[in-house]
Amino acid sequence: DFFIRNLHDALSGYNSQTVDEAVRYSEQSVTKCIGITIETRPDYCLKPHLEEMLQYGCTRIEIGVQSIYESVARETNRGHTVAAVSHSFHLAKDCGFKVVTHMMPDLPNMGYERDLEGFKEYFENPAFRSDGMKLYPTLVIRGTGLYELWKTGRYQNYTPDQLVELTAQVLSLVPPWTRLYRIQRDIPMPLVSSGVEHGNLRELALAKMREQDLPCLDIRTREVGMKQIHQAVTPDQVELLRRDYMANGGWETFLSYEDPAQDILIGLLRLRKISSAAWLPCITEHSSSIIRELHVYGTAVAVSARDPTRFQHQGFGILLMEEAERIAREEH
């Protein structure tokens, strides 16, 4: 509580006495808190934890998963089951959180094909299907149990070429409603005994995808700002797209404004028809749907400002909200 209260107070300049008071003043502050992300484990993402995160003003949860294989969870001493992973996703989404996971390819006793099959299962199985992912290939660090396995020859990382190929294949599996936030950790190389050798793994993977003509529907790759920076292209024919899918016990609708011809994403909205497992009174009191994310991409434009050359504050957010309201009212 102390940390969160002072975090909000630092933005508002107010000296609050409670978290609730700090959040109230932060909401009205000139300097806005545009999001709070809390990293946790599946077994520390249950109802009491989620209620506390809501009180803090948290908007996104990052959950360490590493692998969806039960045997790997046991061998790496995760201390929780794979069922706990999907259960935490279910509860978090019914609270309206965005859910991002940390996944680790190249763990012991995996292998290339098993890794790839695991990611296919992750993106296709409604028990998983998070909103985002951070991909952290396994690193061997001195002083760990894995270091001893590596030192004695019982564990070996993928070669650099294998890792680039695997990353490219994983990126090609990412559905259009998922954002791959990060690939590889920023750990000083002198601390790493074995593992990732390239500092630009995403760039190399994208180049490999172009060579093999693989699709890349990851949100980050398609964002209008990224497209303008890396490919110098600007949206021309923009239209509203709708994608529906089931995930974690609920009906998800992913709305977006895109230029399909150039594969450019301008803005998105995540709408969820909550499941029967929802428990928060503010949600269960009536038949409810919840908007878990509304985001318009491109260069940031100040609140109440206008810039015709940029995409924020051009009305895309309002249009996405209106369509979400219509779906919730007429279809949910």
Protein backbone atom coordinates (compact mmCIF):
# COMPACT_ATOMS: atom_id res chain seq x y z
CA ASP A 1 0.00 0.00 0.00
CA PHE A 2 2.79 2.42 0.91
CA PHE A 3 4.48 2.11 -2.49
CA ILE A 4 1.27 2.46 -4.54
CA ARG A 5 0.01 5.37 -2.43
CA ASN A 6 3.27 7.26 -2.90
CA LEU A 7 3.36 6.43 -6.59
CA HIS A 8 0.00 8.15 -7.12
CA ASP A 9 0.95 11.01 -4.78
CA ALA A 10 4.10 11.64 -6.81
CA LEU A 11 1.92 12.30 -9.84
CA SER A 12 -0.78 14.38 -8.15
CA GLY A 13 1.43 16.25 -5.68
CA TYR A 14 -1.08 15.42 -2.95
CA ASN A 15 -0.15 13.89 0.41
CA SER A 16 -2.82 11.20 0.83
CA GLN A 17 -3.50 9.00 3.82
CA THR A 18 -4.95 5.94 2.07
CA VAL A 19 -4.65 4.20 -1.29
CA ASP A 20 -8.27 5.05 -2.17
CA GLU A 21 -7.63 8.72 -1.50
CA ALA A 22 -4.39 8.63 -3.51
CA VAL A 23 -6.12 7.05 -6.50
CA ARG A 24 -8.97 9.60 -6.41
CA TYR A 25 -6.54 12.54 -6.54
CA SER A 26 -4.39 10.81 -9.15
CA GLU A 27 -7.41 10.43 -11.43
CA GLN A 28 -7.85 14.23 -11.42
CA SER A 29 -4.15 15.05 -11.65
CA VAL A 30 -2.73 17.12 -14.51
CA THR A 31 0.02 14.50 -14.80
CA LYS A 32 -1.92 11.33 -15.57
CA CYS A 33 -1.13 7.78 -14.56
CA ILE A 34 -1.84 6.14 -17.91
CA GLY A 35 -1.41 2.62 -16.56
CA ILE A 36 -0.04 0.48 -13.75
CA THR A 37 1.28 -2.99 -14.51
CA ILE A 38 1.82 -5.56 -11.77
CA GLU A 39 3.90 -8.68 -12.38
CA THR A 40 2.87 -11.79 -10.51
CA ARG A 41 2.54 -15.58 -10.58
CA PRO A 42 -0.56 -17.64 -11.41
CA ASP A 43 -0.91 -18.71 -7.78
CA TYR A 44 -0.72 -15.07 -6.68
CA CYS A 45 -3.36 -13.93 -9.13
CA LEU A 46 -6.46 -15.11 -7.29
CA LYS A 47 -9.55 -13.22 -6.12
CA PRO A 48 -7.99 -11.44 -3.08
CA HIS A 49 -4.94 -10.40 -5.12
CA LEU A 50 -7.05 -9.15 -8.04
CA GLU A 51 -9.32 -7.12 -5.77
CA GLU A 52 -6.24 -5.48 -4.27
CA MET A 53 -4.83 -4.73 -7.73
CA LEU A 54 -8.11 -3.09 -8.74
CA GLN A 55 -7.94 -0.93 -5.64
CA TYR A 56 -4.41 0.12 -6.63
CA GLY A 57 -5.57 1.32 -10.06
CA CYS A 58 -3.74 -1.47 -11.88
CA THR A 59 -4.73 -1.88 -15.54
CA ARG A 60 -2.47 -4.67 -16.78
CA ILE A 61 -1.21 -7.88 -15.19
CA GLU A 62 1.90 -9.72 -16.31
CA ILE A 63 1.96 -13.36 -15.29
CA GLY A 64 5.03 -15.59 -15.31
CA VAL A 65 4.03 -18.77 -17.11
CA GLN A 66 7.24 -19.94 -18.87
CA SER A 67 5.67 -23.13 -20.29
CA ILE A 68 2.24 -24.72 -20.71
CA TYR A 69 3.62 -28.23 -20.14
CA GLU A 70 2.90 -29.75 -16.74
CA SER A 71 6.12 -31.77 -16.78
CA VAL A 72 8.20 -28.65 -17.43
CA ALA A 73 6.46 -26.77 -14.61
CA ARG A 74 7.43 -29.60 -12.25
CA GLU A 75 11.00 -29.92 -13.51
CA THR A 76 11.64 -26.18 -13.22
CA ASN A 77 10.08 -26.03 -9.73
CA ARG A 78 7.41 -23.50 -10.70
CA GLY A 79 5.34 -24.40 -7.63
CA HIS A 80 2.00 -24.26 -9.46
CA THR A 81 0.09 -26.28 -12.05
CA VAL A 82 -0.81 -25.40 -15.63
CA ALA A 83 -4.46 -25.41 -14.52
CA ALA A 84 -3.56 -22.54 -12.17
CA VAL A 85 -2.33 -20.59 -15.20
CA SER A 86 -5.61 -20.76 -17.11
CA HIS A 87 -7.57 -20.14 -13.89
CA SER A 88 -5.64 -16.93 -13.22
CA PHE A 89 -6.27 -15.74 -16.80
CA HIS A 90 -9.99 -16.43 -16.35
CA LEU A 91 -10.28 -14.48 -13.10
CA ALA A 92 -8.13 -11.57 -14.31
CA LYS A 93 -10.08 -11.06 -17.54
CA ASP A 94 -13.40 -11.17 -15.68
CA CYS A 95 -12.07 -8.23 -13.63
CA GLY A 96 -11.33 -6.30 -16.82
CA PHE A 97 -7.54 -6.59 -16.73
CA LYS A 98 -5.31 -6.91 -19.75
CA VAL A 99 -3.30 -10.12 -19.39
CA VAL A 100 0.29 -10.42 -20.59
CA THR A 101 2.44 -13.49 -20.03
CA HIS A 102 6.14 -14.25 -19.85
CA MET A 103 7.09 -17.36 -21.87
CA MET A 104 10.48 -19.09 -22.04
CA PRO A 105 11.45 -21.20 -25.02
CA ASP A 106 14.52 -23.45 -24.80
CA LEU A 107 13.88 -24.74 -21.27
CA PRO A 108 15.46 -28.09 -20.29
CA ASN A 109 13.88 -31.24 -21.78
CA MET A 110 11.95 -29.29 -24.39
CA GLY A 111 13.48 -29.28 -27.88
CA TYR A 112 12.56 -27.29 -30.97
CA GLU A 113 9.46 -29.21 -32.07
CA ARG A 114 7.99 -29.43 -28.59
CA ASP A 115 8.59 -25.70 -28.05
CA LEU A 116 6.81 -24.86 -31.30
CA GLU A 117 3.88 -27.16 -30.52
CA GLY A 118 3.57 -25.51 -27.12
CA PHE A 119 3.19 -22.07 -28.67
CA LYS A 120 0.63 -23.36 -31.17
CA GLU A 121 -1.37 -24.76 -28.27
CA TYR A 122 -1.01 -21.50 -26.35
CA PHE A 123 -2.43 -19.33 -29.13
CA GLU A 124 -5.17 -21.75 -30.22
CA ASN A 125 -6.44 -23.13 -26.90
CA PRO A 126 -9.19 -20.94 -25.31
CA ALA A 127 -7.75 -21.85 -21.90
CA PHE A 128 -4.79 -19.55 -22.65
CA ARG A 129 -4.96 -16.85 -25.38
CA SER A 130 -3.55 -13.91 -23.45
CA ASP A 131 -3.69 -10.35 -24.79
CA GLY A 132 0.06 -10.04 -24.91
CA MET A 133 3.30 -11.89 -24.40
CA LYS A 134 6.94 -11.30 -23.57
CA LEU A 135 9.23 -13.91 -25.08
CA TYR A 136 12.29 -14.60 -22.96
CA PRO A 137 14.56 -17.33 -24.38
CA THR A 138 16.30 -19.28 -21.63
CA LEU A 139 19.64 -17.89 -20.44
CA VAL A 140 22.25 -19.76 -18.43
CA ILE A 141 23.34 -17.66 -15.45
CA ARG A 142 26.19 -18.60 -13.13
CA GLY A 143 25.04 -19.78 -9.71
CA THR A 144 21.80 -21.40 -10.90
CA GLY A 145 20.82 -25.05 -11.14
CA LEU A 146 20.65 -24.68 -14.91
CA TYR A 147 24.28 -23.51 -14.92
CA GLU A 148 25.33 -26.80 -13.32
CA LEU A 149 23.38 -28.77 -15.95
CA TRP A 150 25.00 -26.73 -18.73
CA LYS A 151 28.49 -26.99 -17.22
CA THR A 152 28.26 -30.79 -17.06
CA GLY A 153 26.85 -31.08 -20.59
CA ARG A 154 23.33 -32.09 -19.58
CA TYR A 155 21.79 -28.94 -21.05
CA GLN A 156 22.58 -27.06 -24.24
CA ASN A 157 20.95 -23.92 -25.63
CA TYR A 158 19.66 -23.61 -29.17
CA THR A 159 22.21 -22.37 -31.68
CA PRO A 160 21.77 -18.70 -32.72
CA ASP A 161 20.27 -19.78 -36.06
CA GLN A 162 17.83 -22.18 -34.38
CA LEU A 163 16.68 -19.45 -32.00
CA VAL A 164 16.09 -16.97 -34.83
CA GLU A 165 14.13 -19.62 -36.73
CA LEU A 166 12.03 -20.54 -33.68
CA THR A 167 11.29 -16.87 -32.92
CA ALA A 168 10.20 -16.32 -36.53
CA GLN A 169 7.90 -19.34 -36.38
CA VAL A 170 6.39 -18.21 -33.06
CA LEU A 171 5.78 -14.71 -34.46
CA SER A 172 3.96 -16.24 -37.43
CA LEU A 173 1.56 -17.97 -35.00
CA VAL A 174 0.59 -14.80 -33.10
CA PRO A 175 -3.10 -13.95 -33.71
CA PRO A 176 -4.09 -10.37 -34.63
CA TRP A 177 -5.45 -9.63 -31.13
CA THR A 178 -2.14 -10.40 -29.39
CA ARG A 179 0.82 -8.06 -28.87
CA LEU A 180 4.35 -9.40 -28.51
CA TYR A 181 5.68 -6.73 -26.17
CA ARG A 182 9.27 -7.86 -25.92
CA ILE A 183 11.69 -10.48 -27.17
CA GLN A 184 14.63 -11.29 -24.86
CA ARG A 185 15.62 -9.74 -21.54
CA ASP A 186 18.08 -6.89 -21.05
CA ILE A 187 20.66 -8.74 -18.96
CA PRO A 188 24.34 -7.69 -19.14
CA MET A 189 26.13 -10.20 -21.35
CA PRO A 190 29.02 -10.76 -18.86
CA LEU A 191 26.44 -12.37 -16.54
CA VAL A 192 25.25 -14.78 -19.24
CA SER A 193 27.22 -18.00 -19.68
CA SER A 194 25.09 -19.33 -22.54
CA GLY A 195 21.93 -18.37 -24.40
CA VAL A 196 20.92 -15.50 -26.67
CA GLU A 197 23.90 -14.19 -28.63
CA HIS A 198 22.13 -11.53 -30.70
CA GLY A 199 20.91 -8.27 -29.17
CA ASN A 200 18.44 -7.73 -32.04
CA LEU A 201 16.60 -11.05 -32.02
CA ARG A 202 13.23 -9.58 -33.07
CA GLU A 203 14.81 -7.77 -36.02
CA LEU A 204 16.52 -10.97 -37.18
CA ALA A 205 13.31 -12.97 -36.76
CA LEU A 206 11.30 -10.45 -38.81
CA ALA A 207 13.95 -10.59 -41.56
CA LYS A 208 13.70 -14.39 -41.53
CA MET A 209 9.91 -14.11 -41.84
CA ARG A 210 10.25 -11.88 -44.90
CA GLU A 211 12.63 -14.43 -46.45
CA GLN A 212 10.12 -17.23 -45.90
CA ASP A 213 7.06 -15.10 -46.72
CA LEU A 214 5.56 -15.80 -43.29
CA PRO A 215 2.66 -13.62 -42.06
CA CYS A 216 3.14 -11.41 -39.00
CA LEU A 217 -0.14 -10.30 -37.40
CA ASP A 218 1.37 -9.28 -34.05
CA ILE A 219 -0.10 -5.95 -32.90
CA ARG A 220 3.27 -4.30 -32.28
CA THR A 221 4.44 -5.03 -35.82
CA ARG A 222 1.27 -3.54 -37.32
CA GLU A 223 0.92 -0.38 -35.19
CA VAL A 224 0.63 2.76 -37.30
CA GLY A 225 3.56 4.43 -35.53
CA MET A 226 5.85 1.44 -36.13
CA LYS A 227 4.77 1.23 -39.77
CA GLN A 228 5.50 4.92 -40.32
CA ILE A 229 8.93 4.66 -38.67
CA HIS A 230 10.15 1.42 -40.24
CA GLN A 231 8.34 1.32 -43.59
CA ALA A 232 7.40 4.98 -44.20
CA VAL A 233 3.79 4.03 -45.02
CA THR A 234 0.63 5.90 -44.01
CA PRO A 235 -2.92 4.49 -43.81
CA ASP A 236 -5.13 5.20 -46.81
CA GLN A 237 -8.35 3.17 -46.73
CA VAL A 238 -9.23 2.69 -43.04
CA GLU A 239 -12.10 0.45 -41.97
CA LEU A 240 -13.59 -1.08 -38.84
CA LEU A 241 -12.79 -4.77 -38.39
CA ARG A 242 -14.30 -7.18 -35.91
CA ARG A 243 -12.84 -10.46 -34.67
CA ASP A 244 -14.67 -12.67 -32.15
CA TYR A 245 -13.10 -15.52 -30.22
CA MET A 246 -13.59 -17.49 -27.01
CA ALA A 247 -11.00 -17.24 -24.27
CA ASN A 248 -10.92 -18.11 -20.57
CA GLY A 249 -14.63 -18.81 -20.26
CA GLY A 250 -15.77 -15.57 -21.89
CA TRP A 251 -16.74 -14.19 -25.30
CA GLU A 252 -14.10 -11.77 -26.53
CA THR A 253 -14.65 -9.23 -29.29
CA PHE A 254 -11.59 -7.51 -30.73
CA LEU A 255 -12.54 -4.33 -32.59
CA SER A 256 -9.97 -2.41 -34.59
CA TYR A 257 -9.56 0.35 -37.15
CA GLU A 258 -7.12 -0.84 -39.77
CA ASP A 259 -5.90 -0.34 -43.31
CA PRO A 260 -6.15 -4.02 -44.37
CA ALA A 261 -4.40 -3.51 -47.71
CA GLN A 262 -1.26 -2.18 -46.02
CA ASP A 263 -1.73 -4.18 -42.80
CA ILE A 264 -1.69 -1.07 -40.58
CA LEU A 265 -3.42 -0.97 -37.18
CA ILE A 266 -4.62 2.43 -35.93
CA GLY A 267 -6.68 1.61 -32.85
CA LEU A 268 -8.18 -1.31 -30.96
CA LEU A 269 -10.76 -2.17 -28.33
CA ARG A 270 -11.14 -5.37 -26.29
CA LEU A 271 -14.72 -6.17 -25.25
CA ARG A 272 -15.54 -9.15 -23.02
CA LYS A 273 -18.88 -10.70 -22.20
CA ILE A 274 -17.90 -11.86 -18.75
CA SER A 275 -18.21 -15.48 -17.67
CA SER A 276 -20.31 -17.05 -14.94
CA ALA A 277 -17.19 -17.17 -12.75
CA ALA A 278 -17.19 -13.38 -12.26
CA TRP A 279 -17.67 -12.43 -8.61
CA LEU A 280 -17.25 -8.65 -8.26
CA PRO A 281 -20.61 -7.14 -7.19
CA CYS A 282 -20.23 -4.19 -9.57
CA ILE A 283 -20.12 -6.68 -12.46
CA THR A 284 -22.43 -9.49 -11.33
CA GLU A 285 -25.22 -7.15 -10.19
CA HIS A 286 -26.43 -6.99 -13.80
CA SER A 287 -25.71 -8.84 -17.02
CA SER A 288 -22.40 -7.19 -17.83
CA SER A 289 -19.83 -6.73 -20.53
CA ILE A 290 -16.54 -4.99 -19.91
CA ILE A 291 -14.09 -3.04 -22.06
CA ARG A 292 -10.65 -4.28 -21.07
CA GLU A 293 -8.62 -2.02 -23.34
CA LEU A 294 -9.08 0.97 -25.64
CA HIS A 295 -5.94 2.13 -27.42
CA VAL A 296 -5.27 4.41 -30.39
CA TYR A 297 -1.71 4.17 -31.67
CA GLY A 298 0.68 6.64 -33.27
CA THR A 299 2.65 9.58 -31.88
CA ALA A 300 1.20 10.79 -28.57
CA VAL A 301 -1.02 13.87 -28.70
CA ALA A 302 -1.74 15.83 -25.52
CA VAL A 303 -5.17 15.57 -23.93
CA SER A 304 -7.61 18.02 -25.60
CA ALA A 305 -5.03 18.81 -28.31
CA ARG A 306 -5.50 18.18 -32.04
CA ASP A 307 -2.99 17.38 -34.77
CA PRO A 308 -4.38 16.46 -38.21
CA THR A 309 -1.12 14.68 -39.11
CA ARG A 310 -1.48 12.23 -36.21
CA PHE A 311 -4.07 9.60 -35.37
CA GLN A 312 -4.85 10.19 -31.70
CA HIS A 313 -7.88 12.39 -30.93
CA GLN A 314 -9.28 12.00 -34.45
CA GLY A 315 -12.42 10.19 -33.26
CA PHE A 316 -11.32 6.56 -33.64
CA GLY A 317 -11.67 5.92 -29.91
CA ILE A 318 -15.21 7.30 -29.83
CA LEU A 319 -16.22 5.15 -32.81
CA LEU A 320 -14.76 2.03 -31.19
CA MET A 321 -16.64 2.80 -27.96
CA GLU A 322 -19.91 3.30 -29.81
CA GLU A 323 -19.58 -0.03 -31.61
CA ALA A 324 -18.69 -1.81 -28.36
CA GLU A 325 -21.75 -0.31 -26.68
CA ARG A 326 -23.93 -1.48 -29.57
CA ILE A 327 -22.57 -5.04 -29.37
CA ALA A 328 -23.01 -5.19 -25.59
CA ARG A 329 -26.54 -3.83 -25.83
CA GLU A 330 -27.80 -5.85 -28.81
CA GLU A 331 -25.76 -9.07 -28.79
CA HIS A 332 -24.71 -9.71 -25.20
